[in-house]
Amino acid sequence: IPVLASLLGLVLNTLPAIAVEQFTYEVEASKPQDRSLFVQGLQIIDGQLYVSTGRYGESRLLRYDWPDQTLNHEHPLDPRLFGEGVTVLDDRVYQLTWRSGLMFTYQRDTLEMLEVSKIPIQGWGLTHDGKNLILSDGSNRLYFVDPEEQRLTRSLSVMEAGLPRDRLNELEWIDGKIWANVFQTDRIVIIDPDSGNITGNIDLTGLLPAMERLPETDVLNGIAYEQGSGKVWVTGKRWPYLYQIKVIPRPSSAETRIDDKTR
């Protein structure tokens, strides 16, 4: 068995790492945001913006008319709970909490709470693939949950260039891939939901101008995709703006050298 394990390790070490495409961005538009919001979850769907905020005593589920951002519903959480990710699937809204192991289910139209269910992990990010809820817990694993039966259907180990990529936070399903904020960085990674391999890395360094950073301004967190328009909006915890971004492939170092020579 030790010999077989050694051989397996040798084979795995010789497998080529999956190439990760590198992206940068352009800001196409911005919208003001209440900078007191400690954004933990974000979704835009059918002319509504859903925001889940965190921190004990401050956590809420908010719904705004979109794109004019008129607040039409506000649901505060128990002050002992720390709000996390949010997603809308069919006629239900789901909201995670952090260390309490609770997930809330709301009726979509009225935001009446329908169910409180236990989850066996910390709640971080939340999205769905049209069938299953997809949860992150700050590790390198994503969890697929049947929303009707509230049971785990599978888990996925996320790898970047052959190594586990942990601190996966806010999630969004975009064009068949999972986009995830990497906690405490200015990065969003693009994950293949079948293999778990990261296929893209979006560097959002400098998105929030230094002049807009206050002592309470926190990290990049929040991804929302408009289905009809294909627009991608991102924000952060206690950021004053939502930003619509265009994702652009970053030239390779070889391409950059060639460009420099032709100037």
C-alpha atoms as a PDB file:
ATOM      1  CA  ILE A   1       0.000   0.000   0.000  1.00  0.00           C
ATOM      2  CA  PRO A   2       2.786   2.530   0.765  1.00  0.00           C
ATOM      3  CA  VAL A   3       4.282   1.782  -2.672  1.00  0.00           C
ATOM      4  CA  LEU A   4       0.918   2.318  -4.360  1.00  0.00           C
ATOM      5  CA  ALA A   5       0.432   5.577  -2.458  1.00  0.00           C
ATOM      6  CA  SER A   6       3.858   6.775  -3.558  1.00  0.00           C
ATOM      7  CA  LEU A   7       3.112   5.894  -7.173  1.00  0.00           C
ATOM      8  CA  LEU A   8      -0.232   7.691  -6.997  1.00  0.00           C
ATOM      9  CA  GLY A   9       1.448  10.773  -5.553  1.00  0.00           C
ATOM     10  CA  LEU A  10       4.046  10.666  -8.333  1.00  0.00           C
ATOM     11  CA  VAL A  11       1.347  10.449 -11.006  1.00  0.00           C
ATOM     12  CA  LEU A  12      -0.636  13.303  -9.496  1.00  0.00           C
ATOM     13  CA  ASN A  13       2.445  15.490  -9.256  1.00  0.00           C
ATOM     14  CA  THR A  14       3.212  14.972 -12.927  1.00  0.00           C
ATOM     15  CA  LEU A  15      -0.296  15.875 -14.130  1.00  0.00           C
ATOM     16  CA  PRO A  16      -0.384  19.291 -15.818  1.00  0.00           C
ATOM     17  CA  ALA A  17      -2.045  22.031 -13.763  1.00  0.00           C
ATOM     18  CA  ILE A  18      -5.196  23.470 -15.297  1.00  0.00           C
ATOM     19  CA  ALA A  19      -4.408  26.794 -16.957  1.00  0.00           C
ATOM     20  CA  VAL A  20      -6.041  29.756 -15.221  1.00  0.00           C
ATOM     21  CA  GLU A  21      -6.962  32.604 -17.536  1.00  0.00           C
ATOM     22  CA  GLN A  22      -6.108  36.014 -16.081  1.00  0.00           C
ATOM     23  CA  PHE A  23      -8.511  38.946 -16.373  1.00  0.00           C
ATOM     24  CA  THR A  24      -8.561  42.616 -15.555  1.00  0.00           C
ATOM     25  CA  TYR A  25     -11.554  44.978 -15.772  1.00  0.00           C
ATOM     26  CA  GLU A  26     -13.075  48.234 -16.906  1.00  0.00           C
ATOM     27  CA  VAL A  27     -15.705  50.138 -14.940  1.00  0.00           C
ATOM     28  CA  GLU A  28     -18.701  50.743 -17.209  1.00  0.00           C
ATOM     29  CA  ALA A  29     -21.028  52.353 -14.656  1.00  0.00           C
ATOM     30  CA  SER A  30     -21.489  52.912 -10.947  1.00  0.00           C
ATOM     31  CA  LYS A  31     -24.420  53.453  -8.613  1.00  0.00           C
ATOM     32  CA  PRO A  32     -24.384  54.963  -5.134  1.00  0.00           C
ATOM     33  CA  GLN A  33     -24.870  52.530  -2.269  1.00  0.00           C
ATOM     34  CA  ASP A  34     -25.562  53.105   1.415  1.00  0.00           C
ATOM     35  CA  ARG A  35     -22.042  52.717   2.725  1.00  0.00           C
ATOM     36  CA  SER A  36     -23.286  51.497   6.098  1.00  0.00           C
ATOM     37  CA  LEU A  37     -24.263  48.180   4.451  1.00  0.00           C
ATOM     38  CA  PHE A  38     -21.901  45.354   5.418  1.00  0.00           C
ATOM     39  CA  VAL A  39     -22.660  43.472   2.198  1.00  0.00           C
ATOM     40  CA  GLN A  40     -22.556  39.686   2.485  1.00  0.00           C
ATOM     41  CA  GLY A  41     -24.864  38.648  -0.337  1.00  0.00           C
ATOM     42  CA  LEU A  42     -26.100  40.293  -3.538  1.00  0.00           C
ATOM     43  CA  GLN A  43     -28.479  39.315  -6.329  1.00  0.00           C
ATOM     44  CA  ILE A  44     -30.334  41.149  -9.099  1.00  0.00           C
ATOM     45  CA  ILE A  45     -33.347  39.385 -10.593  1.00  0.00           C
ATOM     46  CA  ASP A  46     -36.569  40.514 -12.292  1.00  0.00           C
ATOM     47  CA  GLY A  47     -36.102  44.185 -11.515  1.00  0.00           C
ATOM     48  CA  GLN A  48     -35.235  43.621  -7.859  1.00  0.00           C
ATOM     49  CA  LEU A  49     -31.943  43.945  -5.986  1.00  0.00           C
ATOM     50  CA  TYR A  50     -31.587  41.675  -2.944  1.00  0.00           C
ATOM     51  CA  VAL A  51     -28.927  42.473  -0.360  1.00  0.00           C
ATOM     52  CA  SER A  52     -28.006  40.479   2.735  1.00  0.00           C
ATOM     53  CA  THR A  53     -25.934  42.361   5.298  1.00  0.00           C
ATOM     54  CA  GLY A  54     -23.837  41.119   8.183  1.00  0.00           C
ATOM     55  CA  ARG A  55     -22.564  41.998  11.653  1.00  0.00           C
ATOM     56  CA  TYR A  56     -24.315  41.260  14.916  1.00  0.00           C
ATOM     57  CA  GLY A  57     -27.117  43.693  15.599  1.00  0.00           C
ATOM     58  CA  GLU A  58     -26.975  45.051  12.021  1.00  0.00           C
ATOM     59  CA  SER A  59     -27.864  42.043   9.843  1.00  0.00           C
ATOM     60  CA  ARG A  60     -30.790  42.499   7.467  1.00  0.00           C
ATOM     61  CA  LEU A  61     -32.389  41.261   4.300  1.00  0.00           C
ATOM     62  CA  LEU A  62     -33.070  44.202   2.009  1.00  0.00           C
ATOM     63  CA  ARG A  63     -34.917  44.395  -1.291  1.00  0.00           C
ATOM     64  CA  TYR A  64     -34.755  47.351  -3.665  1.00  0.00           C
ATOM     65  CA  ASP A  65     -36.473  48.177  -6.928  1.00  0.00           C
ATOM     66  CA  TRP A  66     -33.813  47.993  -9.634  1.00  0.00           C
ATOM     67  CA  PRO A  67     -32.303  49.999 -11.191  1.00  0.00           C
ATOM     68  CA  ASP A  68     -33.656  53.021  -9.282  1.00  0.00           C
ATOM     69  CA  GLN A  69     -32.666  51.444  -5.927  1.00  0.00           C
ATOM     70  CA  THR A  70     -35.821  52.381  -4.042  1.00  0.00           C
ATOM     71  CA  LEU A  71     -36.014  50.303  -0.859  1.00  0.00           C
ATOM     72  CA  ASN A  72     -39.257  48.300  -0.835  1.00  0.00           C
ATOM     73  CA  HIS A  73     -38.630  45.833   1.992  1.00  0.00           C
ATOM     74  CA  GLU A  74     -36.361  45.513   5.008  1.00  0.00           C
ATOM     75  CA  HIS A  75     -36.254  42.482   7.302  1.00  0.00           C
ATOM     76  CA  PRO A  76     -33.917  42.716  10.327  1.00  0.00           C
ATOM     77  CA  LEU A  77     -32.421  39.523  11.719  1.00  0.00           C
ATOM     78  CA  ASP A  78     -32.249  38.645  15.384  1.00  0.00           C
ATOM     79  CA  PRO A  79     -29.296  40.638  16.821  1.00  0.00           C
ATOM     80  CA  ARG A  80     -27.671  37.348  17.835  1.00  0.00           C
ATOM     81  CA  LEU A  81     -27.374  36.353  14.158  1.00  0.00           C
ATOM     82  CA  PHE A  82     -24.813  37.396  11.537  1.00  0.00           C
ATOM     83  CA  GLY A  83     -26.276  37.530   8.022  1.00  0.00           C
ATOM     84  CA  GLU A  84     -24.402  36.065   5.068  1.00  0.00           C
ATOM     85  CA  GLY A  85     -25.190  35.025   1.474  1.00  0.00           C
ATOM     86  CA  VAL A  86     -28.552  35.371  -0.269  1.00  0.00           C
ATOM     87  CA  THR A  87     -30.068  33.894  -3.426  1.00  0.00           C
ATOM     88  CA  VAL A  88     -33.470  33.739  -5.149  1.00  0.00           C
ATOM     89  CA  LEU A  89     -34.630  30.444  -6.658  1.00  0.00           C
ATOM     90  CA  ASP A  90     -38.124  30.115  -8.124  1.00  0.00           C
ATOM     91  CA  ASP A  91     -40.580  31.589  -5.590  1.00  0.00           C
ATOM     92  CA  ARG A  92     -38.232  31.415  -2.625  1.00  0.00           C
ATOM     93  CA  VAL A  93     -35.494  33.611  -1.184  1.00  0.00           C
ATOM     94  CA  TYR A  94     -32.751  31.912   0.835  1.00  0.00           C
ATOM     95  CA  GLN A  95     -30.446  33.641   3.305  1.00  0.00           C
ATOM     96  CA  LEU A  96     -27.512  32.172   5.218  1.00  0.00           C
ATOM     97  CA  THR A  97     -26.189  33.047   8.634  1.00  0.00           C
ATOM     98  CA  TRP A  98     -22.584  32.691   9.715  1.00  0.00           C
ATOM     99  CA  ARG A  99     -21.805  30.630  12.831  1.00  0.00           C
ATOM    100  CA  SER A 100     -25.325  29.776  13.941  1.00  0.00           C
ATOM    101  CA  GLY A 101     -25.785  27.045  11.324  1.00  0.00           C
ATOM    102  CA  LEU A 102     -29.158  28.437  10.212  1.00  0.00           C
ATOM    103  CA  MET A 103     -30.615  29.112   6.773  1.00  0.00           C
ATOM    104  CA  PHE A 104     -33.811  31.121   6.308  1.00  0.00           C
ATOM    105  CA  THR A 105     -36.362  30.549   3.558  1.00  0.00           C
ATOM    106  CA  TYR A 106     -38.699  33.417   2.621  1.00  0.00           C
ATOM    107  CA  GLN A 107     -41.692  33.670   0.332  1.00  0.00           C
ATOM    108  CA  ARG A 108     -40.375  35.700  -2.594  1.00  0.00           C
ATOM    109  CA  ASP A 109     -43.255  38.146  -3.095  1.00  0.00           C
ATOM    110  CA  THR A 110     -43.895  39.108   0.516  1.00  0.00           C
ATOM    111  CA  LEU A 111     -40.564  38.110   2.102  1.00  0.00           C
ATOM    112  CA  GLU A 112     -42.575  36.328   4.776  1.00  0.00           C
ATOM    113  CA  MET A 113     -40.336  33.812   6.544  1.00  0.00           C
ATOM    114  CA  LEU A 114     -41.440  30.280   5.739  1.00  0.00           C
ATOM    115  CA  GLU A 115     -38.782  28.045   7.229  1.00  0.00           C
ATOM    116  CA  VAL A 116     -35.665  27.974   9.386  1.00  0.00           C
ATOM    117  CA  SER A 117     -33.390  25.050   8.595  1.00  0.00           C
ATOM    118  CA  LYS A 118     -30.099  23.800   9.970  1.00  0.00           C
ATOM    119  CA  ILE A 119     -26.956  23.594   7.860  1.00  0.00           C
ATOM    120  CA  PRO A 120     -23.954  21.575   9.074  1.00  0.00           C
ATOM    121  CA  ILE A 121     -21.407  24.233   8.082  1.00  0.00           C
ATOM    122  CA  GLN A 122     -20.730  27.918   8.573  1.00  0.00           C
ATOM    123  CA  GLY A 123     -22.708  30.003   6.117  1.00  0.00           C
ATOM    124  CA  TRP A 124     -20.647  32.248   3.829  1.00  0.00           C
ATOM    125  CA  GLY A 125     -21.693  32.602   0.169  1.00  0.00           C
ATOM    126  CA  LEU A 126     -24.850  31.379  -1.552  1.00  0.00           C
ATOM    127  CA  THR A 127     -26.031  30.975  -5.153  1.00  0.00           C
ATOM    128  CA  HIS A 128     -27.802  28.314  -7.230  1.00  0.00           C
ATOM    129  CA  ASP A 129     -27.508  26.510 -10.561  1.00  0.00           C
ATOM    130  CA  GLY A 130     -31.240  26.558 -11.306  1.00  0.00           C
ATOM    131  CA  LYS A 131     -31.785  23.343  -9.349  1.00  0.00           C
ATOM    132  CA  ASN A 132     -29.509  23.174  -6.318  1.00  0.00           C
ATOM    133  CA  LEU A 133     -28.461  25.781  -3.814  1.00  0.00           C
ATOM    134  CA  ILE A 134     -24.665  26.203  -3.750  1.00  0.00           C
ATOM    135  CA  LEU A 135     -23.033  27.189  -0.449  1.00  0.00           C
ATOM    136  CA  SER A 136     -19.521  28.188   0.584  1.00  0.00           C
ATOM    137  CA  ASP A 137     -18.128  27.997   4.123  1.00  0.00           C
ATOM    138  CA  GLY A 138     -14.769  29.757   3.817  1.00  0.00           C
ATOM    139  CA  SER A 139     -12.912  26.573   2.927  1.00  0.00           C
ATOM    140  CA  ASN A 140     -12.030  25.291  -0.545  1.00  0.00           C
ATOM    141  CA  ARG A 141     -15.276  23.315  -0.712  1.00  0.00           C
ATOM    142  CA  LEU A 142     -18.654  24.166  -2.223  1.00  0.00           C
ATOM    143  CA  TYR A 143     -21.808  22.361  -1.138  1.00  0.00           C
ATOM    144  CA  PHE A 144     -24.811  21.577  -3.343  1.00  0.00           C
ATOM    145  CA  VAL A 145     -28.094  21.351  -1.454  1.00  0.00           C
ATOM    146  CA  ASP A 146     -31.529  20.233  -2.649  1.00  0.00           C
ATOM    147  CA  PRO A 147     -33.755  23.183  -1.654  1.00  0.00           C
ATOM    148  CA  GLU A 148     -36.922  21.107  -1.270  1.00  0.00           C
ATOM    149  CA  GLU A 149     -35.511  18.305   0.855  1.00  0.00           C
ATOM    150  CA  GLN A 150     -32.827  20.467   2.488  1.00  0.00           C
ATOM    151  CA  ARG A 151     -30.240  17.748   1.964  1.00  0.00           C
ATOM    152  CA  LEU A 152     -26.678  17.780   0.676  1.00  0.00           C
ATOM    153  CA  THR A 153     -26.484  16.285  -2.809  1.00  0.00           C
ATOM    154  CA  ARG A 154     -22.744  16.679  -3.349  1.00  0.00           C
ATOM    155  CA  SER A 155     -19.674  18.701  -2.415  1.00  0.00           C
ATOM    156  CA  LEU A 156     -16.974  20.069  -4.672  1.00  0.00           C
ATOM    157  CA  SER A 157     -13.304  20.639  -3.930  1.00  0.00           C
ATOM    158  CA  VAL A 158     -12.088  23.833  -5.599  1.00  0.00           C
ATOM    159  CA  MET A 159      -8.541  23.776  -6.957  1.00  0.00           C
ATOM    160  CA  GLU A 160      -6.363  26.490  -8.440  1.00  0.00           C
ATOM    161  CA  ALA A 161      -3.348  25.380 -10.484  1.00  0.00           C
ATOM    162  CA  GLY A 162      -3.420  22.048  -8.663  1.00  0.00           C
ATOM    163  CA  LEU A 163      -3.706  23.498  -5.140  1.00  0.00           C
ATOM    164  CA  PRO A 164      -6.765  23.977  -2.911  1.00  0.00           C
ATOM    165  CA  ARG A 165      -8.223  27.485  -3.088  1.00  0.00           C
ATOM    166  CA  ASP A 166      -9.827  28.326   0.236  1.00  0.00           C
ATOM    167  CA  ARG A 167     -11.543  31.488   1.604  1.00  0.00           C
ATOM    168  CA  LEU A 168     -14.274  31.224  -1.022  1.00  0.00           C
ATOM    169  CA  ASN A 169     -16.914  33.723  -0.016  1.00  0.00           C
ATOM    170  CA  GLU A 170     -19.788  35.402  -1.911  1.00  0.00           C
ATOM    171  CA  LEU A 171     -20.965  33.366  -4.909  1.00  0.00           C
ATOM    172  CA  GLU A 172     -22.790  33.997  -8.178  1.00  0.00           C
ATOM    173  CA  TRP A 173     -23.781  31.613 -10.991  1.00  0.00           C
ATOM    174  CA  ILE A 174     -22.862  33.219 -14.326  1.00  0.00           C
ATOM    175  CA  ASP A 175     -23.124  31.478 -17.708  1.00  0.00           C
ATOM    176  CA  GLY A 176     -22.705  27.984 -16.287  1.00  0.00           C
ATOM    177  CA  LYS A 177     -19.774  28.862 -14.014  1.00  0.00           C
ATOM    178  CA  ILE A 178     -19.499  29.817 -10.350  1.00  0.00           C
ATOM    179  CA  TRP A 179     -17.903  33.164  -9.591  1.00  0.00           C
ATOM    180  CA  ALA A 180     -16.551  33.564  -6.066  1.00  0.00           C
ATOM    181  CA  ASN A 181     -14.996  36.373  -4.088  1.00  0.00           C
ATOM    182  CA  VAL A 182     -11.782  35.284  -2.381  1.00  0.00           C
ATOM    183  CA  PHE A 183     -12.087  36.668   1.147  1.00  0.00           C
ATOM    184  CA  GLN A 184      -9.733  39.533   2.067  1.00  0.00           C
ATOM    185  CA  THR A 185      -8.456  39.919  -1.486  1.00  0.00           C
ATOM    186  CA  ASP A 186      -9.381  41.971  -4.559  1.00  0.00           C
ATOM    187  CA  ARG A 187      -9.954  38.776  -6.534  1.00  0.00           C
ATOM    188  CA  ILE A 188     -12.893  36.957  -8.034  1.00  0.00           C
ATOM    189  CA  VAL A 189     -12.275  33.423  -9.287  1.00  0.00           C
ATOM    190  CA  ILE A 190     -14.284  31.548 -11.915  1.00  0.00           C
ATOM    191  CA  ILE A 191     -14.948  27.907 -11.040  1.00  0.00           C
ATOM    192  CA  ASP A 192     -15.960  24.985 -13.248  1.00  0.00           C
ATOM    193  CA  PRO A 193     -18.916  23.434 -11.352  1.00  0.00           C
ATOM    194  CA  ASP A 194     -18.179  19.935 -12.666  1.00  0.00           C
ATOM    195  CA  SER A 195     -14.445  19.605 -11.987  1.00  0.00           C
ATOM    196  CA  GLY A 196     -13.974  22.245  -9.286  1.00  0.00           C
ATOM    197  CA  ASN A 197     -11.046  23.688 -11.220  1.00  0.00           C
ATOM    198  CA  ILE A 198     -10.594  27.452 -11.260  1.00  0.00           C
ATOM    199  CA  THR A 199     -10.476  28.498 -14.904  1.00  0.00           C
ATOM    200  CA  GLY A 200     -10.297  32.258 -14.482  1.00  0.00           C
ATOM    201  CA  ASN A 201      -8.948  34.884 -12.094  1.00  0.00           C
ATOM    202  CA  ILE A 202     -10.275  38.457 -12.144  1.00  0.00           C
ATOM    203  CA  ASP A 203      -7.997  41.051 -10.546  1.00  0.00           C
ATOM    204  CA  LEU A 204     -10.088  43.961  -9.254  1.00  0.00           C
ATOM    205  CA  THR A 205      -7.228  45.842  -7.631  1.00  0.00           C
ATOM    206  CA  GLY A 206      -7.962  49.560  -7.447  1.00  0.00           C
ATOM    207  CA  LEU A 207     -11.702  49.225  -8.092  1.00  0.00           C
ATOM    208  CA  LEU A 208     -12.590  51.358  -5.072  1.00  0.00           C
ATOM    209  CA  PRO A 209     -10.519  54.551  -5.241  1.00  0.00           C
ATOM    210  CA  ALA A 210      -8.247  55.209  -2.268  1.00  0.00           C
ATOM    211  CA  MET A 211     -10.032  58.512  -1.595  1.00  0.00           C
ATOM    212  CA  GLU A 212     -13.259  56.567  -0.966  1.00  0.00           C
ATOM    213  CA  ARG A 213     -11.740  54.343   1.704  1.00  0.00           C
ATOM    214  CA  LEU A 214     -12.725  55.256   5.244  1.00  0.00           C
ATOM    215  CA  PRO A 215     -11.617  53.552   8.488  1.00  0.00           C
ATOM    216  CA  GLU A 216     -14.738  51.345   8.448  1.00  0.00           C
ATOM    217  CA  THR A 217     -14.463  50.437   4.735  1.00  0.00           C
ATOM    218  CA  ASP A 218     -13.989  46.682   4.415  1.00  0.00           C
ATOM    219  CA  VAL A 219     -13.176  44.150   1.702  1.00  0.00           C
ATOM    220  CA  LEU A 220     -14.501  43.477  -1.789  1.00  0.00           C
ATOM    221  CA  ASN A 221     -17.590  41.262  -1.463  1.00  0.00           C
ATOM    222  CA  GLY A 222     -20.721  40.980  -3.574  1.00  0.00           C
ATOM    223  CA  ILE A 223     -21.365  39.801  -7.150  1.00  0.00           C
ATOM    224  CA  ALA A 224     -24.657  40.243  -8.996  1.00  0.00           C
ATOM    225  CA  TYR A 225     -25.474  39.225 -12.572  1.00  0.00           C
ATOM    226  CA  GLU A 226     -28.350  40.732 -14.556  1.00  0.00           C
ATOM    227  CA  GLN A 227     -29.793  37.867 -16.590  1.00  0.00           C
ATOM    228  CA  GLY A 228     -31.318  39.945 -19.382  1.00  0.00           C
ATOM    229  CA  SER A 229     -28.553  42.457 -19.961  1.00  0.00           C
ATOM    230  CA  GLY A 230     -25.580  40.308 -18.979  1.00  0.00           C
ATOM    231  CA  LYS A 231     -24.259  43.114 -16.799  1.00  0.00           C
ATOM    232  CA  VAL A 232     -22.047  42.191 -13.852  1.00  0.00           C
ATOM    233  CA  TRP A 233     -22.181  44.345 -10.717  1.00  0.00           C
ATOM    234  CA  VAL A 234     -19.761  44.080  -7.799  1.00  0.00           C
ATOM    235  CA  THR A 235     -19.345  45.869  -4.499  1.00  0.00           C
ATOM    236  CA  GLY A 236     -17.816  45.509  -1.050  1.00  0.00           C
ATOM    237  CA  LYS A 237     -18.559  45.689   2.642  1.00  0.00           C
ATOM    238  CA  ARG A 238     -19.364  49.280   3.534  1.00  0.00           C
ATOM    239  CA  TRP A 239     -18.544  50.494   0.045  1.00  0.00           C
ATOM    240  CA  PRO A 240     -20.253  53.656  -1.258  1.00  0.00           C
ATOM    241  CA  TYR A 241     -20.825  52.258  -4.764  1.00  0.00           C
ATOM    242  CA  LEU A 242     -21.974  49.315  -6.806  1.00  0.00           C
ATOM    243  CA  TYR A 243     -19.765  48.984  -9.891  1.00  0.00           C
ATOM    244  CA  GLN A 244     -20.746  47.565 -13.248  1.00  0.00           C
ATOM    245  CA  ILE A 245     -17.613  45.977 -14.651  1.00  0.00           C
ATOM    246  CA  LYS A 246     -16.496  44.607 -17.989  1.00  0.00           C
ATOM    247  CA  VAL A 247     -14.101  41.688 -17.638  1.00  0.00           C
ATOM    248  CA  ILE A 248     -11.134  41.853 -20.023  1.00  0.00           C
ATOM    249  CA  PRO A 249      -8.467  39.196 -20.678  1.00  0.00           C
ATOM    250  CA  ARG A 250      -5.101  40.308 -19.377  1.00  0.00           C
ATOM    251  CA  PRO A 251      -2.312  40.091 -21.979  1.00  0.00           C
ATOM    252  CA  SER A 252       0.267  37.429 -21.239  1.00  0.00           C
ATOM    253  CA  SER A 253       3.797  38.525 -20.387  1.00  0.00           C
ATOM    254  CA  ALA A 254       4.922  37.387 -23.838  1.00  0.00           C
ATOM    255  CA  GLU A 255       2.217  39.478 -25.515  1.00  0.00           C
ATOM    256  CA  THR A 256       3.182  42.459 -23.363  1.00  0.00           C
ATOM    257  CA  ARG A 257       6.814  42.205 -24.407  1.00  0.00           C
ATOM    258  CA  ILE A 258       5.818  42.101 -28.085  1.00  0.00           C
ATOM    259  CA  ASP A 259       3.566  45.143 -27.634  1.00  0.00           C
ATOM    260  CA  ASP A 260       6.360  47.050 -25.923  1.00  0.00           C
ATOM    261  CA  LYS A 261       8.710  46.396 -28.850  1.00  0.00           C
ATOM    262  CA  THR A 262       6.191  47.701 -31.381  1.00  0.00           C
ATOM    263  CA  ARG A 263       5.585  51.041 -29.688  1.00  0.00           C
END
